Amino acid sequence: MINRNLVRGVALMALALGFGLPSVGYSLGSLGHAGPGMFPFIVSCMLFVIGAITVARARLVAPVPMDFQVRNIAIILGSLCGFAALSHFVNMIAGIVFLVFCSGFAASTYSWKRSLKITAVLIAIAFAFQKLLGVSLPLY
């Protein structure tokens, strides 16, 4: 039996190393004047610590069996591809709506009310990024 918590921790640590090691190639700078590699390095370090804690916790608690639901993985991948295509060819708001409502079918229970709330929050965050932070997002 494969322990789901152990796999989760190892995957987090591998992801942290995958982004953290290349960031060292950039100038880290100092905490007072951060270089381009500082942010990904710090985030990767935090993610690695979370992964290590998850691996340690997996050794202390009862193992949880790993199960793959190919249908749900396909739904999530399809909704991400649809989000990318709609954001590119239509606009990002249409992509967000598609992403949330389509990926909701992967949940154990589908709730259009929950999807509507999540969509509203994500659109509000996208507008905040565009208007407050000046990020160039094709929202409309």
Protein backbone atom coordinates (compact mmCIF):
# COMPACT_ATOMS: atom_id res chain seq x y z
CA MET A 1 0.00 0.00 0.00
CA ILE A 2 1.27 3.45 -0.93
CA ASN A 3 0.85 6.03 1.85
CA ARG A 4 -0.90 9.11 0.44
CA ASN A 5 0.56 11.46 3.09
CA LEU A 6 4.09 10.27 2.38
CA VAL A 7 3.64 10.74 -1.39
CA ARG A 8 2.18 14.20 -0.80
CA GLY A 9 5.18 15.26 1.29
CA VAL A 10 7.74 13.86 -1.13
CA ALA A 11 5.97 15.55 -4.06
CA LEU A 12 6.02 18.91 -2.24
CA MET A 13 9.71 18.53 -1.48
CA ALA A 14 10.48 17.61 -5.11
CA LEU A 15 8.49 20.58 -6.36
CA ALA A 16 10.34 22.86 -3.95
CA LEU A 17 13.69 21.56 -5.15
CA GLY A 18 12.59 21.88 -8.78
CA PHE A 19 11.97 25.59 -8.37
CA GLY A 20 14.43 26.37 -5.57
CA LEU A 21 17.62 25.02 -7.08
CA PRO A 22 17.37 27.02 -10.34
CA SER A 23 16.59 30.19 -8.36
CA VAL A 24 20.03 30.00 -6.75
CA GLY A 25 21.49 30.64 -10.21
CA TYR A 26 19.97 34.12 -10.11
CA SER A 27 21.24 36.86 -7.85
CA LEU A 28 19.66 36.47 -4.43
CA GLY A 29 20.74 39.88 -3.16
CA SER A 30 19.98 40.62 0.49
CA LEU A 31 16.79 40.93 2.48
CA GLY A 32 17.09 44.72 2.28
CA HIS A 33 17.55 44.69 -1.50
CA ALA A 34 16.26 41.40 -2.89
CA GLY A 35 17.50 40.07 -6.19
CA PRO A 36 15.42 38.18 -8.76
CA GLY A 37 16.14 34.81 -7.17
CA MET A 38 15.17 35.74 -3.60
CA PHE A 39 11.37 35.30 -3.87
CA PRO A 40 11.38 31.86 -5.55
CA PHE A 41 14.14 30.73 -3.18
CA ILE A 42 12.21 31.75 -0.04
CA VAL A 43 8.93 30.27 -1.30
CA SER A 44 10.73 27.05 -2.24
CA CYS A 45 12.34 26.85 1.21
CA MET A 46 8.95 27.25 2.89
CA LEU A 47 7.41 24.62 0.59
CA PHE A 48 10.28 22.23 1.32
CA VAL A 49 9.75 22.66 5.08
CA ILE A 50 6.02 21.97 4.67
CA GLY A 51 6.88 18.85 2.66
CA ALA A 52 9.35 17.68 5.31
CA ILE A 53 6.75 18.19 8.04
CA THR A 54 4.23 16.23 5.95
CA VAL A 55 6.71 13.35 5.53
CA ALA A 56 7.44 13.33 9.28
CA ARG A 57 3.72 13.42 10.06
CA ALA A 58 3.11 10.54 7.64
CA ARG A 59 5.43 8.40 9.74
CA LEU A 60 3.53 9.22 12.96
CA VAL A 61 -0.10 8.82 11.88
CA ALA A 62 -1.89 5.82 10.45
CA PRO A 63 -1.20 5.39 6.71
CA VAL A 64 -3.90 6.49 4.29
CA PRO A 65 -4.10 4.43 1.08
CA MET A 66 -3.36 6.19 -2.19
CA ASP A 67 -6.07 6.10 -4.83
CA PHE A 68 -6.19 7.69 -8.26
CA GLN A 69 -9.42 8.80 -9.85
CA VAL A 70 -8.54 9.19 -13.52
CA ARG A 71 -11.92 10.79 -14.25
CA ASN A 72 -11.28 13.64 -11.80
CA ILE A 73 -7.73 14.16 -13.07
CA ALA A 74 -9.07 14.38 -16.64
CA ILE A 75 -11.75 16.88 -15.56
CA ILE A 76 -9.21 19.13 -13.85
CA LEU A 77 -6.77 18.96 -16.78
CA GLY A 78 -9.59 19.68 -19.23
CA SER A 79 -10.80 22.65 -17.23
CA LEU A 80 -7.24 24.06 -17.07
CA CYS A 81 -6.83 23.67 -20.83
CA GLY A 82 -10.23 25.31 -21.39
CA PHE A 83 -9.25 28.17 -19.09
CA ALA A 84 -6.05 28.75 -21.06
CA ALA A 85 -7.83 28.60 -24.43
CA LEU A 86 -10.72 30.86 -23.39
CA SER A 87 -8.39 33.34 -21.72
CA HIS A 88 -6.34 33.55 -24.90
CA PHE A 89 -9.12 33.65 -27.50
CA VAL A 90 -12.05 35.27 -25.61
CA ASN A 91 -11.11 36.85 -22.26
CA MET A 92 -9.99 35.84 -18.80
CA ILE A 93 -13.40 36.26 -17.15
CA ALA A 94 -14.85 33.62 -19.49
CA GLY A 95 -11.85 31.42 -18.71
CA ILE A 96 -12.36 31.77 -14.96
CA VAL A 97 -16.06 30.94 -15.24
CA PHE A 98 -15.29 27.85 -17.34
CA LEU A 99 -12.49 26.74 -15.01
CA VAL A 100 -14.56 26.92 -11.85
CA PHE A 101 -17.78 25.44 -13.18
CA CYS A 102 -16.06 22.67 -15.14
CA SER A 103 -13.66 21.68 -12.34
CA GLY A 104 -16.61 21.57 -9.94
CA PHE A 105 -17.65 18.29 -11.59
CA ALA A 106 -14.58 16.66 -10.02
CA ALA A 107 -15.97 17.29 -6.52
CA SER A 108 -17.89 14.60 -4.68
CA THR A 109 -20.97 16.85 -4.75
CA TYR A 110 -21.63 19.51 -7.38
CA SER A 111 -22.95 22.85 -6.17
CA TRP A 112 -23.58 25.66 -8.64
CA LYS A 113 -23.95 28.07 -5.70
CA ARG A 114 -20.45 27.22 -4.46
CA SER A 115 -19.07 27.55 -7.97
CA LEU A 116 -20.74 30.95 -8.37
CA LYS A 117 -19.19 32.19 -5.11
CA ILE A 118 -15.73 30.92 -6.07
CA THR A 119 -16.06 32.52 -9.51
CA ALA A 120 -17.02 35.88 -8.00
CA VAL A 121 -14.05 35.83 -5.62
CA LEU A 122 -11.58 34.86 -8.36
CA ILE A 123 -12.87 37.57 -10.68
CA ALA A 124 -12.59 40.12 -7.85
CA ILE A 125 -8.99 39.02 -7.23
CA ALA A 126 -8.22 39.30 -10.96
CA PHE A 127 -9.64 42.84 -11.03
CA ALA A 128 -7.60 43.73 -7.93
CA PHE A 129 -4.45 42.45 -9.65
CA GLN A 130 -5.28 44.46 -12.75
CA LYS A 131 -6.39 47.75 -11.15
CA LEU A 132 -4.35 47.88 -7.94
CA LEU A 133 -1.15 46.11 -8.94
CA GLY A 134 -1.10 47.05 -12.61
CA VAL A 135 -0.83 43.47 -13.85
CA SER A 136 -1.75 43.23 -17.52
CA LEU A 137 -4.65 40.77 -17.55
CA PRO A 138 -7.07 40.44 -20.48
CA LEU A 139 -10.20 40.47 -18.30
CA TYR A 140 -12.62 41.92 -20.86
